[in-house]
Amino acid sequence: LDSGGLIKQPIISKFLFPPLGYLATEFLRNLK
C-alpha cells in the first residue's frame, strides 16, 4: 500500500544523534 522500498533514505538520517536526535523527535512529537 503506497509502499516504501524504492526510495533511498536522506543522508541526514546518518547524522541524527543526540542532542540533535532528541530535538528532532521532539519536533515530531509536536501535534501541529
PDB file of all heavy atoms in Angstrom:
ATOM      1  N   LEU A   1       0.845  -1.192   0.000  1.00  0.00           N
ATOM      2  CA  LEU A   1       0.000   0.000   0.000  1.00  0.00           C
ATOM      3  C   LEU A   1       0.881   1.244   0.000  1.00  0.00           C
ATOM      4  O   LEU A   1       1.528   1.544   1.004  1.00  0.00           O
ATOM      5  CB  LEU A   1      -0.901   0.017   1.243  1.00  0.00           C
ATOM      6  CG  LEU A   1      -1.746  -1.222   1.537  1.00  0.00           C
ATOM      7  CD1 LEU A   1      -2.502  -1.049   2.853  1.00  0.00           C
ATOM      8  CD2 LEU A   1      -2.726  -1.485   0.408  1.00  0.00           C
ATOM      9  N   ASP A   2       0.951   1.935  -1.137  1.00  0.00           N
ATOM     10  CA  ASP A   2       1.797   3.134  -1.239  1.00  0.00           C
ATOM     11  C   ASP A   2       3.119   2.887  -0.506  1.00  0.00           C
ATOM     12  O   ASP A   2       3.474   3.575   0.453  1.00  0.00           O
ATOM     13  CB  ASP A   2       1.064   4.337  -0.676  1.00  0.00           C
ATOM     14  CG  ASP A   2      -0.100   4.766  -1.563  1.00  0.00           C
ATOM     15  OD1 ASP A   2      -1.084   4.023  -1.653  1.00  0.00           O
ATOM     16  OD2 ASP A   2      -0.007   5.837  -2.175  1.00  0.00           O
ATOM     17  N   SER A   3       3.833   1.905  -0.980  1.00  0.00           N
ATOM     18  CA  SER A   3       4.931   1.291  -0.237  1.00  0.00           C
ATOM     19  C   SER A   3       6.265   2.013  -0.368  1.00  0.00           C
ATOM     20  O   SER A   3       6.618   2.545  -1.425  1.00  0.00           O
ATOM     21  CB  SER A   3       5.096  -0.155  -0.720  1.00  0.00           C
ATOM     22  OG  SER A   3       6.201  -0.772  -0.108  1.00  0.00           O
ATOM     23  N   GLY A   4       7.023   1.982   0.725  1.00  0.00           N
ATOM     24  CA  GLY A   4       8.426   2.310   0.669  1.00  0.00           C
ATOM     25  C   GLY A   4       9.187   1.120   0.108  1.00  0.00           C
ATOM     26  O   GLY A   4       8.621   0.071  -0.158  1.00  0.00           O
ATOM     27  N   GLY A   5      10.486   1.294  -0.067  1.00  0.00           N
ATOM     28  CA  GLY A   5      11.302   0.196  -0.565  1.00  0.00           C
ATOM     29  C   GLY A   5      11.980   0.489  -1.889  1.00  0.00           C
ATOM     30  O   GLY A   5      12.791  -0.295  -2.364  1.00  0.00           O
ATOM     31  N   LEU A   6      11.674   1.648  -2.480  1.00  0.00           N
ATOM     32  CA  LEU A   6      12.340   2.048  -3.723  1.00  0.00           C
ATOM     33  C   LEU A   6      13.040   3.394  -3.596  1.00  0.00           C
ATOM     34  O   LEU A   6      13.842   3.760  -4.445  1.00  0.00           O
ATOM     35  CB  LEU A   6      11.338   2.121  -4.881  1.00  0.00           C
ATOM     36  CG  LEU A   6      10.986   0.787  -5.541  1.00  0.00           C
ATOM     37  CD1 LEU A   6       9.929   0.989  -6.618  1.00  0.00           C
ATOM     38  CD2 LEU A   6      12.219   0.126  -6.134  1.00  0.00           C
ATOM     39  N   ILE A   7      12.732   4.119  -2.541  1.00  0.00           N
ATOM     40  CA  ILE A   7      13.322   5.443  -2.348  1.00  0.00           C
ATOM     41  C   ILE A   7      14.356   5.377  -1.233  1.00  0.00           C
ATOM     42  O   ILE A   7      14.055   4.949  -0.121  1.00  0.00           O
ATOM     43  CB  ILE A   7      12.235   6.478  -1.997  1.00  0.00           C
ATOM     44  CG1 ILE A   7      11.232   6.584  -3.161  1.00  0.00           C
ATOM     45  CG2 ILE A   7      12.856   7.837  -1.709  1.00  0.00           C
ATOM     46  CD1 ILE A   7      10.058   7.487  -2.872  1.00  0.00           C
ATOM     47  N   LYS A   8      15.575   5.783  -1.532  1.00  0.00           N
ATOM     48  CA  LYS A   8      16.645   5.759  -0.539  1.00  0.00           C
ATOM     49  C   LYS A   8      16.418   6.832   0.519  1.00  0.00           C
ATOM     50  O   LYS A   8      15.861   7.882   0.254  1.00  0.00           O
ATOM     51  CB  LYS A   8      17.997   5.949  -1.223  1.00  0.00           C
ATOM     52  CG  LYS A   8      18.365   4.792  -2.151  1.00  0.00           C
ATOM     53  CD  LYS A   8      19.708   5.003  -2.810  1.00  0.00           C
ATOM     54  CE  LYS A   8      20.057   3.834  -3.715  1.00  0.00           C
ATOM     55  NZ  LYS A   8      21.349   4.025  -4.390  1.00  0.00           N
ATOM     56  N   GLN A   9      16.880   6.523   1.730  1.00  0.00           N
ATOM     57  CA  GLN A   9      16.711   7.455   2.831  1.00  0.00           C
ATOM     58  C   GLN A   9      17.621   8.670   2.656  1.00  0.00           C
ATOM     59  O   GLN A   9      18.717   8.562   2.115  1.00  0.00           O
ATOM     60  CB  GLN A   9      17.053   6.764   4.158  1.00  0.00           C
ATOM     61  CG  GLN A   9      16.106   5.638   4.515  1.00  0.00           C
ATOM     62  CD  GLN A   9      14.705   6.165   4.735  1.00  0.00           C
ATOM     63  OE1 GLN A   9      14.472   6.988   5.609  1.00  0.00           O
ATOM     64  NE2 GLN A   9      13.771   5.711   3.929  1.00  0.00           N
ATOM     65  N   PRO A  10      17.170   9.852   3.105  1.00  0.00           N
ATOM     66  CA  PRO A  10      18.036  11.041   3.014  1.00  0.00           C
ATOM     67  C   PRO A  10      19.277  10.874   3.880  1.00  0.00           C
ATOM     68  O   PRO A  10      19.226  10.259   4.946  1.00  0.00           O
ATOM     69  CB  PRO A  10      17.138  12.174   3.547  1.00  0.00           C
ATOM     70  CG  PRO A  10      16.101  11.477   4.383  1.00  0.00           C
ATOM     71  CD  PRO A  10      15.884  10.143   3.719  1.00  0.00           C
ATOM     72  N   ILE A  11      20.390  11.437   3.430  1.00  0.00           N
ATOM     73  CA  ILE A  11      21.656  11.257   4.132  1.00  0.00           C
ATOM     74  C   ILE A  11      21.637  11.868   5.526  1.00  0.00           C
ATOM     75  O   ILE A  11      22.395  11.451   6.408  1.00  0.00           O
ATOM     76  CB  ILE A  11      22.816  11.857   3.301  1.00  0.00           C
ATOM     77  CG1 ILE A  11      24.168  11.359   3.834  1.00  0.00           C
ATOM     78  CG2 ILE A  11      22.748  13.373   3.284  1.00  0.00           C
ATOM     79  CD1 ILE A  11      25.334  11.657   2.915  1.00  0.00           C
ATOM     80  N   ILE A  12      20.745  12.835   5.786  1.00  0.00           N
ATOM     81  CA  ILE A  12      20.690  13.466   7.105  1.00  0.00           C
ATOM     82  C   ILE A  12      20.418  12.451   8.208  1.00  0.00           C
ATOM     83  O   ILE A  12      20.836  12.624   9.350  1.00  0.00           O
ATOM     84  CB  ILE A  12      19.617  14.586   7.128  1.00  0.00           C
ATOM     85  CG1 ILE A  12      19.683  15.400   8.433  1.00  0.00           C
ATOM     86  CG2 ILE A  12      18.235  14.001   6.926  1.00  0.00           C
ATOM     87  CD1 ILE A  12      20.952  16.133   8.631  1.00  0.00           C
ATOM     88  N   SER A  13      19.758  11.343   7.864  1.00  0.00           N
ATOM     89  CA  SER A  13      19.440  10.338   8.879  1.00  0.00           C
ATOM     90  C   SER A  13      20.702   9.742   9.490  1.00  0.00           C
ATOM     91  O   SER A  13      20.695   9.297  10.639  1.00  0.00           O
ATOM     92  CB  SER A  13      18.581   9.223   8.267  1.00  0.00           C
ATOM     93  OG  SER A  13      19.326   8.500   7.292  1.00  0.00           O
ATOM     94  N   LYS A  14      21.794   9.737   8.745  1.00  0.00           N
ATOM     95  CA  LYS A  14      23.055   9.197   9.255  1.00  0.00           C
ATOM     96  C   LYS A  14      23.665  10.092  10.334  1.00  0.00           C
ATOM     97  O   LYS A  14      24.529   9.673  11.083  1.00  0.00           O
ATOM     98  CB  LYS A  14      24.053   9.027   8.106  1.00  0.00           C
ATOM     99  CG  LYS A  14      23.655   7.958   7.098  1.00  0.00           C
ATOM    100  CD  LYS A  14      23.776   6.565   7.674  1.00  0.00           C
ATOM    101  CE  LYS A  14      23.536   5.507   6.615  1.00  0.00           C
ATOM    102  NZ  LYS A  14      23.640   4.149   7.161  1.00  0.00           N
ATOM    103  N   PHE A  15      23.230  11.345  10.368  1.00  0.00           N
ATOM    104  CA  PHE A  15      23.822  12.298  11.296  1.00  0.00           C
ATOM    105  C   PHE A  15      22.870  12.688  12.421  1.00  0.00           C
ATOM    106  O   PHE A  15      23.096  13.673  13.116  1.00  0.00           O
ATOM    107  CB  PHE A  15      24.253  13.556  10.530  1.00  0.00           C
ATOM    108  CG  PHE A  15      25.241  13.262   9.438  1.00  0.00           C
ATOM    109  CD1 PHE A  15      24.820  13.104   8.128  1.00  0.00           C
ATOM    110  CD2 PHE A  15      26.585  13.108   9.720  1.00  0.00           C
ATOM    111  CE1 PHE A  15      25.725  12.817   7.121  1.00  0.00           C
ATOM    112  CE2 PHE A  15      27.500  12.818   8.718  1.00  0.00           C
ATOM    113  CZ  PHE A  15      27.070  12.663   7.413  1.00  0.00           C
ATOM    114  N   LEU A  16      21.815  11.911  12.594  1.00  0.00           N
ATOM    115  CA  LEU A  16      20.831  12.230  13.622  1.00  0.00           C
ATOM    116  C   LEU A  16      21.278  11.627  14.939  1.00  0.00           C
ATOM    117  O   LEU A  16      21.063  10.467  15.223  1.00  0.00           O
ATOM    118  CB  LEU A  16      19.464  11.678  13.210  1.00  0.00           C
ATOM    119  CG  LEU A  16      18.261  12.149  14.033  1.00  0.00           C
ATOM    120  CD1 LEU A  16      18.100  13.647  13.942  1.00  0.00           C
ATOM    121  CD2 LEU A  16      16.993  11.464  13.561  1.00  0.00           C
ATOM    122  N   PHE A  17      21.965  12.411  15.756  1.00  0.00           N
ATOM    123  CA  PHE A  17      22.468  11.916  17.030  1.00  0.00           C
ATOM    124  C   PHE A  17      22.113  12.925  18.119  1.00  0.00           C
ATOM    125  O   PHE A  17      21.922  14.110  17.838  1.00  0.00           O
ATOM    126  CB  PHE A  17      23.988  11.697  16.972  1.00  0.00           C
ATOM    127  CG  PHE A  17      24.753  12.910  16.541  1.00  0.00           C
ATOM    128  CD1 PHE A  17      25.182  13.850  17.471  1.00  0.00           C
ATOM    129  CD2 PHE A  17      25.040  13.122  15.203  1.00  0.00           C
ATOM    130  CE1 PHE A  17      25.886  14.964  17.077  1.00  0.00           C
ATOM    131  CE2 PHE A  17      25.742  14.250  14.801  1.00  0.00           C
ATOM    132  CZ  PHE A  17      26.167  15.174  15.737  1.00  0.00           C
ATOM    133  N   PRO A  18      22.037  12.473  19.390  1.00  0.00           N
ATOM    134  CA  PRO A  18      21.712  13.399  20.487  1.00  0.00           C
ATOM    135  C   PRO A  18      22.778  14.497  20.588  1.00  0.00           C
ATOM    136  O   PRO A  18      23.961  14.209  20.391  1.00  0.00           O
ATOM    137  CB  PRO A  18      21.724  12.502  21.723  1.00  0.00           C
ATOM    138  CG  PRO A  18      21.485  11.127  21.180  1.00  0.00           C
ATOM    139  CD  PRO A  18      22.159  11.098  19.833  1.00  0.00           C
ATOM    140  N   PRO A  19      22.403  15.777  20.879  1.00  0.00           N
ATOM    141  CA  PRO A  19      21.033  16.222  21.168  1.00  0.00           C
ATOM    142  C   PRO A  19      20.195  16.488  19.927  1.00  0.00           C
ATOM    143  O   PRO A  19      19.007  16.723  20.016  1.00  0.00           O
ATOM    144  CB  PRO A  19      21.251  17.520  21.949  1.00  0.00           C
ATOM    145  CG  PRO A  19      22.506  18.075  21.346  1.00  0.00           C
ATOM    146  CD  PRO A  19      23.383  16.872  21.052  1.00  0.00           C
ATOM    147  N   LEU A  20      20.833  16.503  18.724  1.00  0.00           N
ATOM    148  CA  LEU A  20      20.064  16.741  17.505  1.00  0.00           C
ATOM    149  C   LEU A  20      18.949  15.713  17.355  1.00  0.00           C
ATOM    150  O   LEU A  20      17.828  16.027  17.001  1.00  0.00           O
ATOM    151  CB  LEU A  20      20.981  16.698  16.284  1.00  0.00           C
ATOM    152  CG  LEU A  20      20.301  16.860  14.910  1.00  0.00           C
ATOM    153  CD1 LEU A  20      19.559  18.182  14.842  1.00  0.00           C
ATOM    154  CD2 LEU A  20      21.321  16.748  13.794  1.00  0.00           C
ATOM    155  N   GLY A  21      19.254  14.439  17.668  1.00  0.00           N
ATOM    156  CA  GLY A  21      18.238  13.406  17.566  1.00  0.00           C
ATOM    157  C   GLY A  21      17.076  13.664  18.494  1.00  0.00           C
ATOM    158  O   GLY A  21      15.910  13.524  18.114  1.00  0.00           O
ATOM    159  N   TYR A  22      17.371  14.075  19.719  1.00  0.00           N
ATOM    160  CA  TYR A  22      16.311  14.357  20.684  1.00  0.00           C
ATOM    161  C   TYR A  22      15.448  15.517  20.202  1.00  0.00           C
ATOM    162  O   TYR A  22      14.219  15.460  20.263  1.00  0.00           O
ATOM    163  CB  TYR A  22      16.920  14.683  22.053  1.00  0.00           C
ATOM    164  CG  TYR A  22      15.893  15.119  23.077  1.00  0.00           C
ATOM    165  CD1 TYR A  22      15.095  14.183  23.730  1.00  0.00           C
ATOM    166  CD2 TYR A  22      15.709  16.469  23.359  1.00  0.00           C
ATOM    167  CE1 TYR A  22      14.136  14.588  24.655  1.00  0.00           C
ATOM    168  CE2 TYR A  22      14.767  16.878  24.280  1.00  0.00           C
ATOM    169  CZ  TYR A  22      13.978  15.934  24.925  1.00  0.00           C
ATOM    170  OH  TYR A  22      13.025  16.333  25.820  1.00  0.00           O
ATOM    171  N   LEU A  23      16.085  16.570  19.697  1.00  0.00           N
ATOM    172  CA  LEU A  23      15.334  17.725  19.223  1.00  0.00           C
ATOM    173  C   LEU A  23      14.463  17.354  18.030  1.00  0.00           C
ATOM    174  O   LEU A  23      13.342  17.849  17.886  1.00  0.00           O
ATOM    175  CB  LEU A  23      16.302  18.855  18.850  1.00  0.00           C
ATOM    176  CG  LEU A  23      17.075  19.477  20.015  1.00  0.00           C
ATOM    177  CD1 LEU A  23      18.082  20.495  19.496  1.00  0.00           C
ATOM    178  CD2 LEU A  23      16.121  20.131  21.010  1.00  0.00           C
ATOM    179  N   ALA A  24      14.976  16.474  17.186  1.00  0.00           N
ATOM    180  CA  ALA A  24      14.197  16.041  16.023  1.00  0.00           C
ATOM    181  C   ALA A  24      12.965  15.269  16.449  1.00  0.00           C
ATOM    182  O   ALA A  24      11.879  15.449  15.894  1.00  0.00           O
ATOM    183  CB  ALA A  24      15.065  15.197  15.098  1.00  0.00           C
ATOM    184  N   THR A  25      13.113  14.385  17.449  1.00  0.00           N
ATOM    185  CA  THR A  25      11.948  13.628  17.903  1.00  0.00           C
ATOM    186  C   THR A  25      10.947  14.529  18.614  1.00  0.00           C
ATOM    187  O   THR A  25       9.727  14.328  18.493  1.00  0.00           O
ATOM    188  CB  THR A  25      12.359  12.471  18.836  1.00  0.00           C
ATOM    189  OG1 THR A  25      13.112  12.983  19.941  1.00  0.00           O
ATOM    190  CG2 THR A  25      13.167  11.429  18.088  1.00  0.00           C
ATOM    191  N   GLU A  26      11.442  15.528  19.328  1.00  0.00           N
ATOM    192  CA  GLU A  26      10.522  16.474  19.959  1.00  0.00           C
ATOM    193  C   GLU A  26       9.765  17.280  18.906  1.00  0.00           C
ATOM    194  O   GLU A  26       8.598  17.640  19.091  1.00  0.00           O
ATOM    195  CB  GLU A  26      11.270  17.399  20.913  1.00  0.00           C
ATOM    196  CG  GLU A  26      11.754  16.703  22.176  1.00  0.00           C
ATOM    197  CD  GLU A  26      10.618  15.960  22.886  1.00  0.00           C
ATOM    198  OE1 GLU A  26       9.681  16.627  23.368  1.00  0.00           O
ATOM    199  OE2 GLU A  26      10.667  14.712  22.941  1.00  0.00           O
ATOM    200  N   PHE A  27      10.413  17.543  17.786  1.00  0.00           N
ATOM    201  CA  PHE A  27       9.744  18.198  16.657  1.00  0.00           C
ATOM    202  C   PHE A  27       8.610  17.312  16.143  1.00  0.00           C
ATOM    203  O   PHE A  27       7.498  17.777  15.899  1.00  0.00           O
ATOM    204  CB  PHE A  27      10.767  18.475  15.552  1.00  0.00           C
ATOM    205  CG  PHE A  27      10.187  19.102  14.314  1.00  0.00           C
ATOM    206  CD1 PHE A  27       9.819  20.438  14.302  1.00  0.00           C
ATOM    207  CD2 PHE A  27      10.028  18.346  13.162  1.00  0.00           C
ATOM    208  CE1 PHE A  27       9.285  21.015  13.151  1.00  0.00           C
ATOM    209  CE2 PHE A  27       9.499  18.917  12.012  1.00  0.00           C
ATOM    210  CZ  PHE A  27       9.126  20.262  12.003  1.00  0.00           C
ATOM    211  N   LEU A  28       8.893  16.011  16.012  1.00  0.00           N
ATOM    212  CA  LEU A  28       7.868  15.072  15.559  1.00  0.00           C
ATOM    213  C   LEU A  28       6.764  14.877  16.589  1.00  0.00           C
ATOM    214  O   LEU A  28       5.645  14.510  16.250  1.00  0.00           O
ATOM    215  CB  LEU A  28       8.500  13.711  15.233  1.00  0.00           C
ATOM    216  CG  LEU A  28       9.295  13.615  13.944  1.00  0.00           C
ATOM    217  CD1 LEU A  28       9.934  12.242  13.820  1.00  0.00           C
ATOM    218  CD2 LEU A  28       8.402  13.889  12.735  1.00  0.00           C
ATOM    219  N   ARG A  29       7.076  15.112  17.860  1.00  0.00           N
ATOM    220  CA  ARG A  29       6.071  14.977  18.909  1.00  0.00           C
ATOM    221  C   ARG A  29       5.048  16.131  18.860  1.00  0.00           C
ATOM    222  O   ARG A  29       3.918  15.973  19.323  1.00  0.00           O
ATOM    223  CB  ARG A  29       6.747  14.963  20.287  1.00  0.00           C
ATOM    224  CG  ARG A  29       5.805  14.586  21.425  1.00  0.00           C
ATOM    225  CD  ARG A  29       6.446  14.880  22.765  1.00  0.00           C
ATOM    226  NE  ARG A  29       7.564  14.012  23.062  1.00  0.00           N
ATOM    227  CZ  ARG A  29       7.448  12.810  23.631  1.00  0.00           C
ATOM    228  NH1 ARG A  29       6.266  12.341  23.947  1.00  0.00           N
ATOM    229  NH2 ARG A  29       8.532  12.089  23.879  1.00  0.00           N
ATOM    230  N   ASN A  30       5.454  17.247  18.285  1.00  0.00           N
ATOM    231  CA  ASN A  30       4.592  18.413  18.229  1.00  0.00           C
ATOM    232  C   ASN A  30       3.325  18.102  17.426  1.00  0.00           C
ATOM    233  O   ASN A  30       3.386  17.677  16.271  1.00  0.00           O
ATOM    234  CB  ASN A  30       5.349  19.583  17.576  1.00  0.00           C
ATOM    235  CG  ASN A  30       4.571  20.867  17.596  1.00  0.00           C
ATOM    236  OD1 ASN A  30       3.553  21.005  16.932  1.00  0.00           O
ATOM    237  ND2 ASN A  30       5.054  21.833  18.359  1.00  0.00           N
ATOM    238  N   LEU A  31       2.164  18.315  18.040  1.00  0.00           N
ATOM    239  CA  LEU A  31       0.902  17.929  17.400  1.00  0.00           C
ATOM    240  C   LEU A  31       0.608  18.755  16.151  1.00  0.00           C
ATOM    241  O   LEU A  31      -0.031  18.253  15.209  1.00  0.00           O
ATOM    242  CB  LEU A  31      -0.246  18.048  18.403  1.00  0.00           C
ATOM    243  CG  LEU A  31      -0.201  17.068  19.578  1.00  0.00           C
ATOM    244  CD1 LEU A  31      -1.451  17.207  20.432  1.00  0.00           C
ATOM    245  CD2 LEU A  31      -0.044  15.629  19.099  1.00  0.00           C
ATOM    246  N   LYS A  32       1.069  19.995  16.097  1.00  0.00           N
ATOM    247  CA  LYS A  32       0.865  20.792  14.889  1.00  0.00           C
ATOM    248  C   LYS A  32       1.665  20.220  13.720  1.00  0.00           C
ATOM    249  O   LYS A  32       1.198  20.218  12.574  1.00  0.00           O
ATOM    250  CB  LYS A  32       1.271  22.247  15.159  1.00  0.00           C
ATOM    251  CG  LYS A  32       0.314  22.987  16.084  1.00  0.00           C
ATOM    252  CD  LYS A  32       0.733  24.440  16.252  1.00  0.00           C
ATOM    253  CE  LYS A  32      -0.252  25.181  17.163  1.00  0.00           C
ATOM    254  NZ  LYS A  32       0.135  26.605  17.351  1.00  0.00           N
TER     255      LYS A  32
END
